[in-house]
Amino acid sequence: LGEGSGWSVQQTVDGGFIVTGRDGDFDGLLLKTDGQGNEQRRKTFGEGWGNSVQQTVDEGFIVTGEYFDGSYHTFLLKTDAQGNEQWRKTFGEGSGKSVQQTVDSGFVVTGIDGEIDGLLLKTDGQGNEQWRKTLGEGSGWSVQQTVDGGFIVTGEDVNNVLLLKTDGQGNEQWRKTLGEGSGW
C-alpha cells in the first residue's frame, strides 16, 4: 500500500477496512480498502499522523493523532464516508492516541497533553471541547466508554501499566497500576 506507517485499523460496515497512520511524505493518512485489502481510496491531511480511527454512526470516520507546525498538537478530524474532511479541531500541544464515539454522539480522546501528562478529553458531535482531564504523569493509549456511561483508560503511569476508571464527566473513580510496562 505504499510507503508510510499504519497505526490503527478497524473493519468498516461494508466489510472493508479503514487505516490511519502516515504516508511516505510524513503526512497524516486515511486509507480505505475492500474486504481483501485492495485500496479503494487514500486521503492525506497535512504534516503529522493519525494514531486512531473509528467508523462513526453516520458511516464517516473520526481520527485522532498529532500534527506538526513547529510543535506537536492533538487533533480530531471528522470525515464523511468517502474520507472527505467535514471538520477538524485542535486541542493544544500533545498527541491524541485513541478516539471513540460516545453514546451521546460525541467523542472521547485519550493521549498526552503538552506537559507529558495523560489526557482525557470529551467533545460534542462537532468536536467542541466539553471537558478535559489530566491523568497525571504518563499517557493514555486506549479509551472505551463503559456500560455505566463512564470511561476506562489504559496507558502508562511513569513506568507502570495504568488502568483508570472515570465517571461520565471524566472524574477519577479508581486507578490501578499493574507493574512495569506500557499499556499500549
Protein backbone atom coordinates (compact mmCIF):
# COMPACT_ATOMS: atom_id res chain seq x y z
CA LEU A 1 0.00 0.00 0.00
CA GLY A 2 2.98 2.30 -0.40
CA GLU A 3 5.49 3.94 1.90
CA GLY A 4 4.48 5.01 5.38
CA SER A 5 3.15 3.54 8.60
CA GLY A 6 -0.25 2.24 9.67
CA TRP A 7 -1.10 2.97 13.32
CA SER A 8 -4.75 1.93 13.64
CA VAL A 9 -7.20 -0.24 11.69
CA GLN A 10 -10.89 -1.03 12.00
CA GLN A 11 -13.25 -3.12 9.91
CA THR A 12 -15.95 -1.00 8.30
CA VAL A 13 -19.67 -1.77 7.94
CA ASP A 14 -19.16 -2.65 4.25
CA GLY A 15 -16.70 -5.43 5.19
CA GLY A 16 -13.64 -3.40 4.20
CA PHE A 17 -11.05 -1.74 6.42
CA ILE A 18 -10.05 1.79 7.36
CA VAL A 19 -6.43 2.55 8.29
CA THR A 20 -4.81 5.67 9.66
CA GLY A 21 -1.13 6.50 10.11
CA ARG A 22 1.25 8.48 7.92
CA ASP A 23 2.38 8.29 4.33
CA GLY A 24 5.94 8.39 2.99
CA ASP A 25 5.89 12.21 2.96
CA PHE A 26 5.09 12.34 6.71
CA ASP A 27 1.51 13.47 6.09
CA GLY A 28 -1.42 12.02 8.00
CA LEU A 29 -3.05 9.17 6.09
CA LEU A 30 -6.58 7.78 5.87
CA LEU A 31 -6.71 4.66 3.70
CA LYS A 32 -9.85 2.66 2.83
CA THR A 33 -9.66 -0.89 1.47
CA ASP A 34 -12.16 -3.51 0.45
CA GLY A 35 -12.50 -6.77 2.38
CA GLN A 36 -9.50 -8.25 0.54
CA GLY A 37 -7.21 -5.34 1.42
CA ASN A 38 -7.33 -3.73 -2.05
CA GLU A 39 -7.04 0.05 -1.85
CA GLN A 40 -10.27 1.91 -2.63
CA ARG A 41 -9.23 5.45 -1.71
CA ARG A 42 -6.47 7.33 0.05
CA LYS A 43 -6.60 10.75 1.72
CA THR A 44 -3.88 12.79 3.41
CA PHE A 45 -4.48 15.50 5.98
CA GLY A 46 -1.29 17.51 6.50
CA GLU A 47 2.03 17.02 8.25
CA GLY A 48 1.67 14.65 11.19
CA TRP A 49 -0.08 11.33 11.59
CA GLY A 50 -3.22 9.58 12.71
CA ASN A 51 -2.94 7.34 15.76
CA SER A 52 -6.52 6.06 15.98
CA VAL A 53 -9.50 5.77 13.64
CA GLN A 54 -13.09 4.65 14.23
CA GLN A 55 -16.09 4.49 11.92
CA THR A 56 -18.87 6.74 13.19
CA VAL A 57 -22.60 6.00 13.30
CA ASP A 58 -23.12 8.09 10.12
CA GLU A 59 -20.58 5.76 8.40
CA GLY A 60 -17.97 8.51 8.29
CA PHE A 61 -14.70 8.36 10.22
CA ILE A 62 -13.16 10.04 13.26
CA VAL A 63 -9.36 10.26 13.53
CA THR A 64 -7.12 11.49 16.33
CA GLY A 65 -3.38 11.94 16.29
CA GLU A 66 -0.88 14.73 16.13
CA TYR A 67 0.13 17.31 13.57
CA PHE A 68 3.32 19.32 13.48
CA ASP A 69 3.73 23.08 12.96
CA GLY A 70 6.89 23.62 14.97
CA SER A 71 5.44 21.67 17.91
CA TYR A 72 3.04 18.72 18.13
CA HIS A 73 -0.69 19.32 18.59
CA THR A 74 -3.57 16.95 19.34
CA PHE A 75 -6.19 16.95 16.59
CA LEU A 76 -9.60 15.44 15.97
CA LEU A 77 -10.67 15.03 12.34
CA LYS A 78 -14.16 14.03 11.16
CA THR A 79 -14.76 12.84 7.60
CA ASP A 80 -17.73 11.64 5.61
CA ALA A 81 -17.95 8.05 4.34
CA GLN A 82 -15.73 8.95 1.35
CA GLY A 83 -12.97 10.33 3.60
CA ASN A 84 -13.72 13.98 2.78
CA GLU A 85 -12.98 16.28 5.71
CA GLN A 86 -16.09 17.67 7.43
CA TRP A 87 -14.32 19.38 10.31
CA ARG A 88 -11.03 19.46 12.19
CA LYS A 89 -10.33 20.60 15.75
CA THR A 90 -7.06 21.04 17.64
CA PHE A 91 -6.60 20.91 21.39
CA GLY A 92 -3.18 22.36 22.20
CA GLU A 93 0.18 20.66 22.39
CA GLY A 94 0.27 16.91 22.76
CA SER A 95 -0.96 13.84 20.92
CA GLY A 96 -4.27 12.03 20.68
CA LYS A 97 -3.64 8.29 20.94
CA SER A 98 -7.17 6.80 20.93
CA VAL A 99 -10.66 8.01 20.00
CA GLN A 100 -14.13 6.53 20.36
CA GLN A 101 -17.59 7.85 19.56
CA THR A 102 -19.69 8.08 22.70
CA VAL A 103 -23.35 7.15 23.21
CA ASP A 104 -24.32 10.85 23.08
CA SER A 105 -22.75 11.05 19.56
CA GLY A 106 -19.77 12.98 20.91
CA PHE A 107 -16.18 11.75 21.08
CA VAL A 108 -13.70 10.82 23.79
CA VAL A 109 -9.94 11.06 23.23
CA THR A 110 -7.04 9.91 25.36
CA GLY A 111 -3.38 10.67 24.83
CA ILE A 112 -0.70 13.02 26.09
CA ASP A 113 -1.01 16.72 26.77
CA GLY A 114 1.81 19.20 26.25
CA GLU A 115 3.08 18.73 29.81
CA ILE A 116 3.71 14.98 29.35
CA ASP A 117 0.63 14.15 31.41
CA GLY A 118 -2.05 11.71 30.38
CA LEU A 119 -5.05 13.38 28.72
CA LEU A 120 -8.76 12.51 28.69
CA LEU A 121 -10.85 14.84 26.53
CA LYS A 122 -14.59 14.79 25.75
CA THR A 123 -16.20 16.66 22.84
CA ASP A 124 -19.67 17.04 21.41
CA GLY A 125 -20.55 15.67 17.97
CA GLN A 126 -18.95 18.68 16.25
CA GLY A 127 -15.64 18.31 18.07
CA ASN A 128 -16.24 21.18 20.51
CA GLU A 129 -14.49 20.52 23.82
CA GLN A 130 -16.89 19.76 26.69
CA TRP A 131 -14.31 18.85 29.31
CA ARG A 132 -10.64 17.95 29.70
CA LYS A 133 -8.90 15.99 32.45
CA THR A 134 -5.24 15.28 33.05
CA LEU A 135 -4.38 11.83 34.34
CA GLY A 136 -1.02 12.54 35.96
CA GLU A 137 2.46 11.94 34.60
CA GLY A 138 2.35 9.39 31.81
CA SER A 139 -0.01 8.87 28.90
CA GLY A 140 -3.32 7.37 27.89
CA TRP A 141 -3.10 4.90 24.99
CA SER A 142 -6.61 3.48 24.69
CA VAL A 143 -10.07 4.55 25.87
CA GLN A 144 -13.50 2.92 25.82
CA GLN A 145 -16.85 4.05 27.14
CA THR A 146 -18.20 1.72 29.83
CA VAL A 147 -21.77 0.48 30.24
CA ASP A 148 -22.33 2.91 33.15
CA GLY A 149 -21.51 5.89 30.86
CA GLY A 150 -18.03 6.39 32.28
CA PHE A 151 -14.68 5.67 30.65
CA ILE A 152 -11.88 3.15 31.04
CA VAL A 153 -8.36 4.21 30.03
CA THR A 154 -5.17 2.21 29.77
CA GLY A 155 -1.73 3.64 29.27
CA GLU A 156 1.32 4.24 31.36
CA ASP A 157 1.84 5.93 34.71
CA VAL A 158 5.57 6.79 34.67
CA ASN A 159 6.88 3.23 34.02
CA ASN A 160 3.85 1.19 35.07
CA VAL A 161 0.85 -0.11 33.16
CA LEU A 162 -2.12 2.11 34.08
CA LEU A 163 -5.79 1.17 34.25
CA LEU A 164 -8.04 4.12 35.15
CA LYS A 165 -11.84 4.27 35.51
CA THR A 166 -13.78 7.57 35.42
CA ASP A 167 -17.39 8.61 35.61
CA GLY A 168 -19.16 10.21 32.64
CA GLN A 169 -17.59 13.60 33.42
CA GLY A 170 -14.05 12.22 33.48
CA ASN A 171 -13.75 12.28 37.28
CA GLU A 172 -11.47 9.52 38.50
CA GLN A 173 -13.27 6.69 40.31
CA TRP A 174 -10.29 4.38 40.68
CA ARG A 175 -6.76 3.84 39.39
CA LYS A 176 -4.63 0.70 39.28
CA THR A 177 -1.00 0.27 38.31
CA LEU A 178 -0.23 -3.21 37.10
CA GLY A 179 3.56 -3.44 37.22
CA GLU A 180 6.26 -2.22 34.92
CA GLY A 181 5.49 -1.73 31.25
CA SER A 182 3.25 0.31 28.96
CA GLY A 183 -0.47 -0.28 28.45
CA TRP A 184 -0.39 0.43 24.73
